[in-house]
């Protein structure tokens, strides 16, 4: 049901920043469809072009961040990511992407998600999707305010629900001490639950409660039946992010930013990139 709670590996990011990284192979339960989650706190992205294929790159810039991120890719898409926004780049069969600081005042506090794509999507044309903070549905319960960035919750539906290449749930919000938030996890789905700040307790019927101090994460799995999670705030107000999706039970062959099902497919993407067929910036 639950993995053991995990602290991230911490890496330097820029001159004074840091990057907290959670990798799928560090947990003792399946993190799929997530591959990597980076919590980045720094002056801004480095602005270097980077290729991607076989996955999605999603950027959630937290509401309290300052400034903006400019992103562009080799399909010609350009977007400004402002505080509270979610930007989703579906790489499909491959593209080149760049993210840079929108101005000199950026104080970056963001999550970058690398989301695996099922085999049926790995050869699709790339695309990008954007949700502005003003258009994010709000879920307000006693002691809780959550933002529904992707997916469905009760009668609320994110504008991204019908356009993302695969079903996902992304929630970002605050929960007071003593308040609780119920979350239905469909059979076959995994949920990554992260205490960005504060402290949480995550429970489900028949499973031991997991305590989540600040900057720790836990994986919840619903294998054969739907599961109702209960996320409770502990102490003062806590900042919570949940990312959930259907587990992908397929081989994962990764070569840097390329994630395919076979080595032959990876080498084909490498050749495409070297030949310029993923485009350029």
C-alpha atoms as a PDB file:
ATOM      1  CA  UNK A   1       0.000   0.000   0.000  1.00  0.00           C
ATOM      2  CA  UNK A   2       2.643   2.555   1.110  1.00  0.00           C
ATOM      3  CA  UNK A   3       6.363   2.791   0.459  1.00  0.00           C
ATOM      4  CA  UNK A   4       8.673   3.802   3.245  1.00  0.00           C
ATOM      5  CA  UNK A   5       8.915   7.610   3.441  1.00  0.00           C
ATOM      6  CA  UNK A   6      11.932   8.857   1.535  1.00  0.00           C
ATOM      7  CA  UNK A   7      14.084  11.947   1.768  1.00  0.00           C
ATOM      8  CA  UNK A   8      15.450  13.322  -1.502  1.00  0.00           C
ATOM      9  CA  UNK A   9      19.020  13.497  -2.660  1.00  0.00           C
ATOM     10  CA  UNK A  10      20.111  17.129  -2.480  1.00  0.00           C
ATOM     11  CA  UNK A  11      22.286  18.643  -5.227  1.00  0.00           C
ATOM     12  CA  UNK A  12      23.567  22.194  -5.777  1.00  0.00           C
ATOM     13  CA  UNK A  13      21.634  24.234  -8.371  1.00  0.00           C
ATOM     14  CA  UNK A  14      23.371  27.346  -9.575  1.00  0.00           C
ATOM     15  CA  UNK A  15      25.393  29.617  -7.298  1.00  0.00           C
ATOM     16  CA  UNK A  16      23.171  29.510  -4.206  1.00  0.00           C
ATOM     17  CA  UNK A  17      20.361  27.118  -5.105  1.00  0.00           C
ATOM     18  CA  UNK A  18      19.567  23.497  -4.406  1.00  0.00           C
ATOM     19  CA  UNK A  19      17.755  20.673  -6.088  1.00  0.00           C
ATOM     20  CA  UNK A  20      15.958  17.959  -4.118  1.00  0.00           C
ATOM     21  CA  UNK A  21      15.610  14.888  -6.327  1.00  0.00           C
ATOM     22  CA  UNK A  22      13.360  11.841  -6.041  1.00  0.00           C
ATOM     23  CA  UNK A  23      14.080   9.009  -8.494  1.00  0.00           C
ATOM     24  CA  UNK A  24      11.783   6.076  -9.179  1.00  0.00           C
ATOM     25  CA  UNK A  25      14.491   3.532  -8.373  1.00  0.00           C
ATOM     26  CA  UNK A  26      15.057   4.989  -4.882  1.00  0.00           C
ATOM     27  CA  UNK A  27      11.627   3.981  -3.580  1.00  0.00           C
ATOM     28  CA  UNK A  28      10.737   0.479  -2.417  1.00  0.00           C
ATOM     29  CA  UNK A  29       7.411   0.664  -4.312  1.00  0.00           C
ATOM     30  CA  UNK A  30       6.541   1.489  -7.907  1.00  0.00           C
ATOM     31  CA  UNK A  31       6.622   5.243  -8.648  1.00  0.00           C
ATOM     32  CA  UNK A  32       5.287   4.800 -12.197  1.00  0.00           C
ATOM     33  CA  UNK A  33       4.373   6.745 -14.249  1.00  0.00           C
ATOM     34  CA  UNK A  34       6.772   9.171 -12.559  1.00  0.00           C
ATOM     35  CA  UNK A  35      10.458   8.701 -13.343  1.00  0.00           C
ATOM     36  CA  UNK A  36      12.020  11.674 -11.554  1.00  0.00           C
ATOM     37  CA  UNK A  37      10.729  14.602  -9.507  1.00  0.00           C
ATOM     38  CA  UNK A  38      13.025  17.570  -8.933  1.00  0.00           C
ATOM     39  CA  UNK A  39      12.154  20.245  -6.367  1.00  0.00           C
ATOM     40  CA  UNK A  40      14.248  23.177  -7.551  1.00  0.00           C
ATOM     41  CA  UNK A  41      14.976  26.282  -5.486  1.00  0.00           C
ATOM     42  CA  UNK A  42      17.394  28.580  -7.278  1.00  0.00           C
ATOM     43  CA  UNK A  43      17.785  31.827  -9.183  1.00  0.00           C
ATOM     44  CA  UNK A  44      16.532  30.196 -12.390  1.00  0.00           C
ATOM     45  CA  UNK A  45      17.040  27.488 -15.029  1.00  0.00           C
ATOM     46  CA  UNK A  46      20.290  27.449 -16.982  1.00  0.00           C
ATOM     47  CA  UNK A  47      18.699  28.107 -20.377  1.00  0.00           C
ATOM     48  CA  UNK A  48      20.577  25.310 -22.168  1.00  0.00           C
ATOM     49  CA  UNK A  49      18.650  23.378 -24.854  1.00  0.00           C
ATOM     50  CA  UNK A  50      18.008  19.745 -23.948  1.00  0.00           C
ATOM     51  CA  UNK A  51      16.497  16.908 -26.018  1.00  0.00           C
ATOM     52  CA  UNK A  52      13.713  14.648 -24.710  1.00  0.00           C
ATOM     53  CA  UNK A  53      11.826  11.654 -26.067  1.00  0.00           C
ATOM     54  CA  UNK A  54       9.406   9.038 -24.747  1.00  0.00           C
ATOM     55  CA  UNK A  55       8.262  11.077 -21.748  1.00  0.00           C
ATOM     56  CA  UNK A  56       6.639  14.315 -20.610  1.00  0.00           C
ATOM     57  CA  UNK A  57       8.320  17.190 -18.778  1.00  0.00           C
ATOM     58  CA  UNK A  58       5.933  19.062 -16.485  1.00  0.00           C
ATOM     59  CA  UNK A  59       6.842  22.253 -14.623  1.00  0.00           C
ATOM     60  CA  UNK A  60       4.810  23.469 -11.645  1.00  0.00           C
ATOM     61  CA  UNK A  61       5.940  26.910 -10.481  1.00  0.00           C
ATOM     62  CA  UNK A  62       4.675  27.354  -6.930  1.00  0.00           C
ATOM     63  CA  UNK A  63       2.356  30.278  -6.167  1.00  0.00           C
ATOM     64  CA  UNK A  64       4.841  31.963  -3.817  1.00  0.00           C
ATOM     65  CA  UNK A  65       7.662  32.007  -6.395  1.00  0.00           C
ATOM     66  CA  UNK A  66       8.754  35.322  -7.908  1.00  0.00           C
ATOM     67  CA  UNK A  67       9.320  36.128 -11.566  1.00  0.00           C
ATOM     68  CA  UNK A  68       8.647  33.802 -14.507  1.00  0.00           C
ATOM     69  CA  UNK A  69      10.193  31.028 -16.601  1.00  0.00           C
ATOM     70  CA  UNK A  70      10.364  31.308 -20.388  1.00  0.00           C
ATOM     71  CA  UNK A  71      10.125  27.984 -22.184  1.00  0.00           C
ATOM     72  CA  UNK A  72      10.362  27.115 -25.872  1.00  0.00           C
ATOM     73  CA  UNK A  73      10.785  23.949 -27.894  1.00  0.00           C
ATOM     74  CA  UNK A  74      11.644  22.806 -31.388  1.00  0.00           C
ATOM     75  CA  UNK A  75       7.972  22.511 -32.413  1.00  0.00           C
ATOM     76  CA  UNK A  76       7.815  26.327 -32.243  1.00  0.00           C
ATOM     77  CA  UNK A  77       5.863  26.437 -28.975  1.00  0.00           C
ATOM     78  CA  UNK A  78       6.736  29.274 -26.589  1.00  0.00           C
ATOM     79  CA  UNK A  79       5.239  29.926 -23.179  1.00  0.00           C
ATOM     80  CA  UNK A  80       5.768  32.057 -20.089  1.00  0.00           C
ATOM     81  CA  UNK A  81       5.341  30.078 -16.857  1.00  0.00           C
ATOM     82  CA  UNK A  82       4.204  32.326 -14.012  1.00  0.00           C
ATOM     83  CA  UNK A  83       3.698  31.544 -10.314  1.00  0.00           C
ATOM     84  CA  UNK A  84       0.896  29.010  -9.849  1.00  0.00           C
ATOM     85  CA  UNK A  85       1.040  27.791 -13.481  1.00  0.00           C
ATOM     86  CA  UNK A  86       1.540  24.240 -14.732  1.00  0.00           C
ATOM     87  CA  UNK A  87       3.292  23.733 -18.084  1.00  0.00           C
ATOM     88  CA  UNK A  88       3.324  20.272 -19.677  1.00  0.00           C
ATOM     89  CA  UNK A  89       5.641  19.336 -22.558  1.00  0.00           C
ATOM     90  CA  UNK A  90       4.841  15.970 -24.138  1.00  0.00           C
ATOM     91  CA  UNK A  91       8.011  14.920 -25.944  1.00  0.00           C
ATOM     92  CA  UNK A  92       6.566  11.934 -27.808  1.00  0.00           C
ATOM     93  CA  UNK A  93       9.003  10.799 -30.489  1.00  0.00           C
ATOM     94  CA  UNK A  94      11.332  13.656 -29.638  1.00  0.00           C
ATOM     95  CA  UNK A  95      11.965  17.386 -29.365  1.00  0.00           C
ATOM     96  CA  UNK A  96      14.489  19.894 -28.069  1.00  0.00           C
ATOM     97  CA  UNK A  97      13.392  22.136 -25.209  1.00  0.00           C
ATOM     98  CA  UNK A  98      14.848  25.122 -23.368  1.00  0.00           C
ATOM     99  CA  UNK A  99      13.801  26.884 -20.152  1.00  0.00           C
ATOM    100  CA  UNK A 100      15.324  30.165 -18.966  1.00  0.00           C
ATOM    101  CA  UNK A 101      14.647  32.914 -16.447  1.00  0.00           C
ATOM    102  CA  UNK A 102      12.012  35.359 -17.683  1.00  0.00           C
ATOM    103  CA  UNK A 103      13.637  38.307 -15.900  1.00  0.00           C
ATOM    104  CA  UNK A 104      16.310  39.163 -13.348  1.00  0.00           C
ATOM    105  CA  UNK A 105      13.964  38.866 -10.356  1.00  0.00           C
ATOM    106  CA  UNK A 106      13.199  35.149 -10.580  1.00  0.00           C
ATOM    107  CA  UNK A 107      13.266  33.304  -7.259  1.00  0.00           C
ATOM    108  CA  UNK A 108      12.580  29.805  -8.484  1.00  0.00           C
ATOM    109  CA  UNK A 109      10.600  27.380  -6.338  1.00  0.00           C
ATOM    110  CA  UNK A 110       9.223  24.703  -8.605  1.00  0.00           C
ATOM    111  CA  UNK A 111       8.673  21.032  -9.234  1.00  0.00           C
ATOM    112  CA  UNK A 112       9.844  19.455 -12.468  1.00  0.00           C
ATOM    113  CA  UNK A 113       8.229  16.101 -13.191  1.00  0.00           C
ATOM    114  CA  UNK A 114       9.533  13.549 -15.674  1.00  0.00           C
ATOM    115  CA  UNK A 115       6.536  11.378 -16.552  1.00  0.00           C
ATOM    116  CA  UNK A 116       7.002   8.155 -18.502  1.00  0.00           C
ATOM    117  CA  UNK A 117       4.821   7.623 -21.573  1.00  0.00           C
ATOM    118  CA  UNK A 118       3.310   4.230 -22.432  1.00  0.00           C
ATOM    119  CA  UNK A 119       4.643   2.555 -25.589  1.00  0.00           C
ATOM    120  CA  UNK A 120       1.543   3.585 -27.559  1.00  0.00           C
ATOM    121  CA  UNK A 121       2.481   7.268 -27.076  1.00  0.00           C
ATOM    122  CA  UNK A 122       6.247   7.147 -27.554  1.00  0.00           C
ATOM    123  CA  UNK A 123       6.012   7.594 -31.332  1.00  0.00           C
ATOM    124  CA  UNK A 124       3.377  10.350 -31.245  1.00  0.00           C
ATOM    125  CA  UNK A 125       4.107  13.891 -32.364  1.00  0.00           C
ATOM    126  CA  UNK A 126       5.258  16.166 -29.517  1.00  0.00           C
ATOM    127  CA  UNK A 127       2.939  18.812 -28.068  1.00  0.00           C
ATOM    128  CA  UNK A 128       2.739  21.250 -25.170  1.00  0.00           C
ATOM    129  CA  UNK A 129      -0.086  22.261 -22.844  1.00  0.00           C
ATOM    130  CA  UNK A 130      -0.368  25.136 -20.382  1.00  0.00           C
ATOM    131  CA  UNK A 131      -2.634  25.939 -17.457  1.00  0.00           C
ATOM    132  CA  UNK A 132      -2.521  29.447 -15.986  1.00  0.00           C
ATOM    133  CA  UNK A 133      -2.983  29.913 -12.242  1.00  0.00           C
ATOM    134  CA  UNK A 134      -6.190  31.905 -12.755  1.00  0.00           C
ATOM    135  CA  UNK A 135      -7.813  28.930 -14.510  1.00  0.00           C
ATOM    136  CA  UNK A 136      -6.961  26.277 -11.883  1.00  0.00           C
ATOM    137  CA  UNK A 137     -10.066  24.898 -10.079  1.00  0.00           C
ATOM    138  CA  UNK A 138     -10.002  25.293  -6.295  1.00  0.00           C
ATOM    139  CA  UNK A 139     -10.951  22.522  -3.874  1.00  0.00           C
ATOM    140  CA  UNK A 140     -11.905  24.099  -0.549  1.00  0.00           C
ATOM    141  CA  UNK A 141     -12.653  21.815   2.403  1.00  0.00           C
ATOM    142  CA  UNK A 142     -12.527  22.600   6.141  1.00  0.00           C
ATOM    143  CA  UNK A 143      -8.909  23.536   6.872  1.00  0.00           C
ATOM    144  CA  UNK A 144      -7.817  22.686   3.329  1.00  0.00           C
ATOM    145  CA  UNK A 145      -7.312  24.547   0.062  1.00  0.00           C
ATOM    146  CA  UNK A 146      -6.118  22.447  -2.857  1.00  0.00           C
ATOM    147  CA  UNK A 147      -5.599  23.410  -6.505  1.00  0.00           C
ATOM    148  CA  UNK A 148      -6.650  20.853  -9.114  1.00  0.00           C
ATOM    149  CA  UNK A 149      -3.972  21.263 -11.792  1.00  0.00           C
ATOM    150  CA  UNK A 150      -4.697  18.014 -13.645  1.00  0.00           C
ATOM    151  CA  UNK A 151      -7.378  15.353 -13.416  1.00  0.00           C
ATOM    152  CA  UNK A 152     -10.743  15.158 -11.643  1.00  0.00           C
ATOM    153  CA  UNK A 153     -11.877  15.471  -8.051  1.00  0.00           C
ATOM    154  CA  UNK A 154     -15.588  14.905  -7.448  1.00  0.00           C
ATOM    155  CA  UNK A 155     -17.429  17.247  -9.805  1.00  0.00           C
ATOM    156  CA  UNK A 156     -14.384  19.461 -10.351  1.00  0.00           C
ATOM    157  CA  UNK A 157     -12.379  18.948 -13.546  1.00  0.00           C
ATOM    158  CA  UNK A 158      -9.071  20.516 -14.536  1.00  0.00           C
ATOM    159  CA  UNK A 159      -8.989  22.167 -17.983  1.00  0.00           C
ATOM    160  CA  UNK A 160      -6.058  19.846 -18.785  1.00  0.00           C
ATOM    161  CA  UNK A 161      -8.134  16.693 -18.235  1.00  0.00           C
ATOM    162  CA  UNK A 162      -9.149  16.312 -21.892  1.00  0.00           C
ATOM    163  CA  UNK A 163      -5.848  17.321 -23.491  1.00  0.00           C
ATOM    164  CA  UNK A 164      -3.032  15.586 -21.607  1.00  0.00           C
ATOM    165  CA  UNK A 165      -1.750  12.483 -23.411  1.00  0.00           C
ATOM    166  CA  UNK A 166      -2.427  10.201 -20.412  1.00  0.00           C
ATOM    167  CA  UNK A 167      -4.703  10.433 -17.355  1.00  0.00           C
ATOM    168  CA  UNK A 168      -3.003  12.205 -14.453  1.00  0.00           C
ATOM    169  CA  UNK A 169      -3.929  13.862 -11.180  1.00  0.00           C
ATOM    170  CA  UNK A 170      -1.886  16.809  -9.908  1.00  0.00           C
ATOM    171  CA  UNK A 171      -2.870  18.567  -6.673  1.00  0.00           C
ATOM    172  CA  UNK A 172      -1.042  21.438  -4.966  1.00  0.00           C
ATOM    173  CA  UNK A 173      -2.242  23.133  -1.813  1.00  0.00           C
ATOM    174  CA  UNK A 174      -2.226  23.840   1.905  1.00  0.00           C
ATOM    175  CA  UNK A 175      -3.684  21.885   4.802  1.00  0.00           C
ATOM    176  CA  UNK A 176      -4.026  23.077   8.402  1.00  0.00           C
ATOM    177  CA  UNK A 177      -2.929  21.038  11.401  1.00  0.00           C
ATOM    178  CA  UNK A 178      -5.690  18.601  12.334  1.00  0.00           C
ATOM    179  CA  UNK A 179      -7.512  18.970   9.000  1.00  0.00           C
ATOM    180  CA  UNK A 180      -7.735  16.015   6.614  1.00  0.00           C
ATOM    181  CA  UNK A 181      -8.126  15.610   2.881  1.00  0.00           C
ATOM    182  CA  UNK A 182      -9.688  12.473   1.325  1.00  0.00           C
ATOM    183  CA  UNK A 183      -8.316  11.153  -1.959  1.00  0.00           C
ATOM    184  CA  UNK A 184      -9.705   8.254  -4.004  1.00  0.00           C
ATOM    185  CA  UNK A 185      -6.929   6.369  -5.784  1.00  0.00           C
ATOM    186  CA  UNK A 186      -8.284   4.195  -8.638  1.00  0.00           C
ATOM    187  CA  UNK A 187      -7.157   0.583  -9.012  1.00  0.00           C
ATOM    188  CA  UNK A 188      -3.970   0.394 -11.056  1.00  0.00           C
ATOM    189  CA  UNK A 189      -2.814   3.888 -10.054  1.00  0.00           C
ATOM    190  CA  UNK A 190       0.131   5.090  -7.974  1.00  0.00           C
ATOM    191  CA  UNK A 191       0.271   8.364  -6.037  1.00  0.00           C
ATOM    192  CA  UNK A 192       3.401  10.307  -5.066  1.00  0.00           C
ATOM    193  CA  UNK A 193       2.644  12.381  -1.952  1.00  0.00           C
ATOM    194  CA  UNK A 194       5.136  15.105  -0.993  1.00  0.00           C
ATOM    195  CA  UNK A 195       5.308  17.293   2.111  1.00  0.00           C
ATOM    196  CA  UNK A 196       6.842  20.418   0.585  1.00  0.00           C
ATOM    197  CA  UNK A 197       6.797  22.085   4.011  1.00  0.00           C
ATOM    198  CA  UNK A 198       5.235  21.341   7.377  1.00  0.00           C
ATOM    199  CA  UNK A 199       4.331  17.792   8.369  1.00  0.00           C
ATOM    200  CA  UNK A 200       1.709  15.328   7.101  1.00  0.00           C
ATOM    201  CA  UNK A 201       0.299  11.934   8.006  1.00  0.00           C
ATOM    202  CA  UNK A 202      -0.981   9.666   5.229  1.00  0.00           C
ATOM    203  CA  UNK A 203      -3.342   6.797   6.038  1.00  0.00           C
ATOM    204  CA  UNK A 204      -5.581   4.220   4.345  1.00  0.00           C
ATOM    205  CA  UNK A 205      -7.750   1.360   5.581  1.00  0.00           C
ATOM    206  CA  UNK A 206      -5.679  -1.696   6.397  1.00  0.00           C
ATOM    207  CA  UNK A 207      -2.335   0.104   6.180  1.00  0.00           C
ATOM    208  CA  UNK A 208      -0.099   1.667   8.794  1.00  0.00           C
ATOM    209  CA  UNK A 209      -0.124   5.472   8.842  1.00  0.00           C
ATOM    210  CA  UNK A 210       2.953   7.060   7.303  1.00  0.00           C
ATOM    211  CA  UNK A 211       4.382  10.212   8.900  1.00  0.00           C
ATOM    212  CA  UNK A 212       5.833  12.698   6.391  1.00  0.00           C
ATOM    213  CA  UNK A 213       8.140  15.376   7.812  1.00  0.00           C
ATOM    214  CA  UNK A 214       8.961  18.333   5.567  1.00  0.00           C
ATOM    215  CA  UNK A 215      10.626  17.481   2.219  1.00  0.00           C
ATOM    216  CA  UNK A 216       9.849  13.758   2.439  1.00  0.00           C
ATOM    217  CA  UNK A 217       7.664  11.781   0.027  1.00  0.00           C
ATOM    218  CA  UNK A 218       5.784   8.495   0.052  1.00  0.00           C
ATOM    219  CA  UNK A 219       4.297   6.302  -2.690  1.00  0.00           C
ATOM    220  CA  UNK A 220       0.761   4.950  -2.299  1.00  0.00           C
ATOM    221  CA  UNK A 221      -0.344   2.112  -4.592  1.00  0.00           C
ATOM    222  CA  UNK A 222      -3.788   0.777  -5.471  1.00  0.00           C
ATOM    223  CA  UNK A 223      -3.128  -2.598  -7.041  1.00  0.00           C
ATOM    224  CA  UNK A 224      -6.425  -4.435  -7.573  1.00  0.00           C
ATOM    225  CA  UNK A 225      -9.012  -2.242  -5.813  1.00  0.00           C
ATOM    226  CA  UNK A 226      -9.690   1.469  -5.393  1.00  0.00           C
ATOM    227  CA  UNK A 227      -8.120   2.905  -2.241  1.00  0.00           C
ATOM    228  CA  UNK A 228      -9.236   5.899  -0.165  1.00  0.00           C
ATOM    229  CA  UNK A 229      -6.279   7.859   1.158  1.00  0.00           C
ATOM    230  CA  UNK A 230      -6.610  10.274   4.058  1.00  0.00           C
ATOM    231  CA  UNK A 231      -3.993  13.012   4.217  1.00  0.00           C
ATOM    232  CA  UNK A 232      -3.885  14.899   7.518  1.00  0.00           C
ATOM    233  CA  UNK A 233      -2.008  18.019   8.495  1.00  0.00           C
ATOM    234  CA  UNK A 234       0.175  17.818  11.590  1.00  0.00           C
ATOM    235  CA  UNK A 235       1.182  20.849  13.655  1.00  0.00           C
ATOM    236  CA  UNK A 236       1.020  24.095  11.704  1.00  0.00           C
ATOM    237  CA  UNK A 237      -0.132  24.578   8.116  1.00  0.00           C
ATOM    238  CA  UNK A 238       1.591  22.288   5.608  1.00  0.00           C
ATOM    239  CA  UNK A 239       2.223  22.535   1.866  1.00  0.00           C
ATOM    240  CA  UNK A 240       1.265  19.356   0.006  1.00  0.00           C
ATOM    241  CA  UNK A 241       1.672  18.079  -3.560  1.00  0.00           C
ATOM    242  CA  UNK A 242       0.131  14.866  -4.894  1.00  0.00           C
ATOM    243  CA  UNK A 243       0.912  13.472  -8.358  1.00  0.00           C
ATOM    244  CA  UNK A 244      -0.929  10.293  -9.381  1.00  0.00           C
ATOM    245  CA  UNK A 245      -1.349   8.289 -12.556  1.00  0.00           C
ATOM    246  CA  UNK A 246      -1.860   4.828 -13.967  1.00  0.00           C
ATOM    247  CA  UNK A 247       1.158   2.577 -13.501  1.00  0.00           C
ATOM    248  CA  UNK A 248       2.917   1.595 -16.736  1.00  0.00           C
ATOM    249  CA  UNK A 249       3.940  -2.065 -16.639  1.00  0.00           C
ATOM    250  CA  UNK A 250       6.403  -1.975 -19.530  1.00  0.00           C
ATOM    251  CA  UNK A 251      10.195  -2.190 -19.845  1.00  0.00           C
ATOM    252  CA  UNK A 252      12.026   1.085 -19.203  1.00  0.00           C
ATOM    253  CA  UNK A 253      15.265   1.656 -21.096  1.00  0.00           C
ATOM    254  CA  UNK A 254      16.687   5.081 -20.299  1.00  0.00           C
ATOM    255  CA  UNK A 255      19.559   6.889 -21.952  1.00  0.00           C
ATOM    256  CA  UNK A 256      19.779  10.326 -20.375  1.00  0.00           C
ATOM    257  CA  UNK A 257      16.659  12.275 -21.469  1.00  0.00           C
ATOM    258  CA  UNK A 258      15.422   9.473 -23.765  1.00  0.00           C
ATOM    259  CA  UNK A 259      13.101   6.834 -22.259  1.00  0.00           C
ATOM    260  CA  UNK A 260      12.011   3.953 -24.484  1.00  0.00           C
ATOM    261  CA  UNK A 261      11.033   0.283 -24.165  1.00  0.00           C
ATOM    262  CA  UNK A 262      14.011  -1.228 -25.995  1.00  0.00           C
ATOM    263  CA  UNK A 263      17.655  -0.363 -26.545  1.00  0.00           C
ATOM    264  CA  UNK A 264      17.015  -0.338 -30.299  1.00  0.00           C
ATOM    265  CA  UNK A 265      14.409   2.409 -29.863  1.00  0.00           C
ATOM    266  CA  UNK A 266      16.777   4.424 -27.681  1.00  0.00           C
ATOM    267  CA  UNK A 267      19.566   4.217 -30.242  1.00  0.00           C
ATOM    268  CA  UNK A 268      17.158   5.256 -32.999  1.00  0.00           C
ATOM    269  CA  UNK A 269      16.258   8.406 -31.021  1.00  0.00           C
ATOM    270  CA  UNK A 270      19.945   9.117 -30.409  1.00  0.00           C
ATOM    271  CA  UNK A 271      20.582   8.915 -34.163  1.00  0.00           C
ATOM    272  CA  UNK A 272      17.582  11.146 -34.858  1.00  0.00           C
ATOM    273  CA  UNK A 273      18.897  13.742 -32.410  1.00  0.00           C
ATOM    274  CA  UNK A 274      22.428  13.641 -33.811  1.00  0.00           C
ATOM    275  CA  UNK A 275      21.019  14.058 -37.324  1.00  0.00           C
ATOM    276  CA  UNK A 276      18.934  17.069 -36.280  1.00  0.00           C
ATOM    277  CA  UNK A 277      15.599  15.314 -36.815  1.00  0.00           C
ATOM    278  CA  UNK A 278      14.337  16.377 -33.359  1.00  0.00           C
ATOM    279  CA  UNK A 279      14.640  20.000 -34.435  1.00  0.00           C
ATOM    280  CA  UNK A 280      16.769  22.743 -32.923  1.00  0.00           C
ATOM    281  CA  UNK A 281      16.604  26.032 -31.050  1.00  0.00           C
END
